[in-house]
Amino acid sequence: MPEGLILHHASVLLDERTWVNAVPITSVRRTLTDCAVDGLAPDVLRQAARQAVRRGLVTKPDLTEVDKALKQFGRVNG
């Protein structure tokens, strides 16, 4: 495994995963939610969430946990 790579393991529902070639990965919504829960730096989390919305990968209602995590720092749209 490459240095600095951290693998996370969890039960992931079918609608929370997608595939890149033969590799299962979490959906954008699930990834952003996990990052919010794990305390990713607010500025990075907000930027990722805004880009995902702008690209049509998630909708604003998909970002409930992200908004909660950013509440004290200004929400995704704030």
C-alpha atoms as a PDB file:
ATOM      1  CA  MET A   1       0.000   0.000   0.000  1.00  0.00           C
ATOM      2  CA  PRO A   2       1.365   3.463  -0.843  1.00  0.00           C
ATOM      3  CA  GLU A   3       2.718   5.503   2.056  1.00  0.00           C
ATOM      4  CA  GLY A   4       0.138   7.930   3.431  1.00  0.00           C
ATOM      5  CA  LEU A   5      -2.832   5.984   2.069  1.00  0.00           C
ATOM      6  CA  ILE A   6      -5.478   5.209   4.655  1.00  0.00           C
ATOM      7  CA  LEU A   7      -8.186   2.686   3.907  1.00  0.00           C
ATOM      8  CA  HIS A   8     -11.485   3.001   5.733  1.00  0.00           C
ATOM      9  CA  HIS A   9     -13.866   0.090   6.097  1.00  0.00           C
ATOM     10  CA  ALA A  10     -17.596   0.357   6.766  1.00  0.00           C
ATOM     11  CA  SER A  11     -20.890  -1.160   5.785  1.00  0.00           C
ATOM     12  CA  VAL A  12     -22.025   0.807   2.763  1.00  0.00           C
ATOM     13  CA  LEU A  13     -25.542   0.601   1.371  1.00  0.00           C
ATOM     14  CA  LEU A  14     -25.955  -0.109  -2.340  1.00  0.00           C
ATOM     15  CA  ASP A  15     -27.198   3.428  -3.034  1.00  0.00           C
ATOM     16  CA  GLU A  16     -24.113   4.842  -1.284  1.00  0.00           C
ATOM     17  CA  ARG A  17     -21.596   3.234  -3.611  1.00  0.00           C
ATOM     18  CA  THR A  18     -20.522   3.362  -7.194  1.00  0.00           C
ATOM     19  CA  TRP A  19     -17.760   1.827  -9.281  1.00  0.00           C
ATOM     20  CA  VAL A  20     -14.672   3.145 -11.022  1.00  0.00           C
ATOM     21  CA  ASN A  21     -13.657   0.371 -13.374  1.00  0.00           C
ATOM     22  CA  ALA A  22     -13.444  -2.683 -11.083  1.00  0.00           C
ATOM     23  CA  VAL A  23     -13.059  -0.706  -7.850  1.00  0.00           C
ATOM     24  CA  PRO A  24     -16.052  -0.033  -5.588  1.00  0.00           C
ATOM     25  CA  ILE A  25     -16.038   3.474  -4.084  1.00  0.00           C
ATOM     26  CA  THR A  26     -18.473   5.487  -2.022  1.00  0.00           C
ATOM     27  CA  SER A  27     -20.809   7.923  -3.737  1.00  0.00           C
ATOM     28  CA  VAL A  28     -20.063  11.635  -3.630  1.00  0.00           C
ATOM     29  CA  ARG A  29     -22.873  12.140  -1.094  1.00  0.00           C
ATOM     30  CA  ARG A  30     -21.528   9.399   1.195  1.00  0.00           C
ATOM     31  CA  THR A  31     -17.940  10.620   0.845  1.00  0.00           C
ATOM     32  CA  LEU A  32     -18.871  14.206   1.730  1.00  0.00           C
ATOM     33  CA  THR A  33     -20.974  12.987   4.656  1.00  0.00           C
ATOM     34  CA  ASP A  34     -18.098  10.835   5.948  1.00  0.00           C
ATOM     35  CA  CYS A  35     -15.707  13.780   5.622  1.00  0.00           C
ATOM     36  CA  ALA A  36     -18.126  16.009   7.534  1.00  0.00           C
ATOM     37  CA  VAL A  37     -18.533  13.476  10.334  1.00  0.00           C
ATOM     38  CA  ASP A  38     -14.764  12.910  10.525  1.00  0.00           C
ATOM     39  CA  GLY A  39     -14.058  16.637  10.859  1.00  0.00           C
ATOM     40  CA  LEU A  40     -12.412  17.512   7.549  1.00  0.00           C
ATOM     41  CA  ALA A  41     -11.151  21.111   7.557  1.00  0.00           C
ATOM     42  CA  PRO A  42     -14.191  23.360   7.056  1.00  0.00           C
ATOM     43  CA  ASP A  43     -12.760  25.292   4.117  1.00  0.00           C
ATOM     44  CA  VAL A  44     -11.875  22.091   2.251  1.00  0.00           C
ATOM     45  CA  LEU A  45     -15.251  20.506   3.040  1.00  0.00           C
ATOM     46  CA  ARG A  46     -17.155  23.603   1.894  1.00  0.00           C
ATOM     47  CA  GLN A  47     -15.158  23.803  -1.342  1.00  0.00           C
ATOM     48  CA  ALA A  48     -15.732  20.105  -2.102  1.00  0.00           C
ATOM     49  CA  ALA A  49     -19.456  20.383  -1.362  1.00  0.00           C
ATOM     50  CA  ARG A  50     -19.867  23.482  -3.526  1.00  0.00           C
ATOM     51  CA  GLN A  51     -18.026  21.855  -6.418  1.00  0.00           C
ATOM     52  CA  ALA A  52     -20.127  18.699  -6.121  1.00  0.00           C
ATOM     53  CA  VAL A  53     -23.351  20.748  -6.229  1.00  0.00           C
ATOM     54  CA  ARG A  54     -22.094  22.864  -9.129  1.00  0.00           C
ATOM     55  CA  ARG A  55     -21.161  19.726 -11.100  1.00  0.00           C
ATOM     56  CA  GLY A  56     -24.551  18.154 -10.428  1.00  0.00           C
ATOM     57  CA  LEU A  57     -23.066  15.252  -8.441  1.00  0.00           C
ATOM     58  CA  VAL A  58     -25.247  15.971  -5.398  1.00  0.00           C
ATOM     59  CA  THR A  59     -28.140  18.234  -4.518  1.00  0.00           C
ATOM     60  CA  LYS A  60     -28.201  20.674  -1.621  1.00  0.00           C
ATOM     61  CA  PRO A  61     -30.658  18.444   0.315  1.00  0.00           C
ATOM     62  CA  ASP A  62     -28.068  15.615   0.066  1.00  0.00           C
ATOM     63  CA  LEU A  63     -25.711  17.660   2.215  1.00  0.00           C
ATOM     64  CA  THR A  64     -27.495  17.627   5.580  1.00  0.00           C
ATOM     65  CA  GLU A  65     -24.495  16.324   7.530  1.00  0.00           C
ATOM     66  CA  VAL A  66     -22.130  18.643   5.678  1.00  0.00           C
ATOM     67  CA  ASP A  67     -24.301  21.642   6.605  1.00  0.00           C
ATOM     68  CA  LYS A  68     -24.346  20.505  10.248  1.00  0.00           C
ATOM     69  CA  ALA A  69     -20.551  20.222  10.287  1.00  0.00           C
ATOM     70  CA  LEU A  70     -20.165  23.665   8.715  1.00  0.00           C
ATOM     71  CA  LYS A  71     -22.855  25.405  10.779  1.00  0.00           C
ATOM     72  CA  GLN A  72     -20.429  27.354  12.963  1.00  0.00           C
ATOM     73  CA  PHE A  73     -18.189  28.172   9.979  1.00  0.00           C
ATOM     74  CA  GLY A  74     -20.885  29.251   7.521  1.00  0.00           C
ATOM     75  CA  ARG A  75     -22.865  26.615   5.689  1.00  0.00           C
ATOM     76  CA  VAL A  76     -22.152  25.214   2.240  1.00  0.00           C
ATOM     77  CA  ASN A  77     -23.881  28.211   0.699  1.00  0.00           C
ATOM     78  CA  GLY A  78     -22.717  30.709   3.275  1.00  0.00           C
END
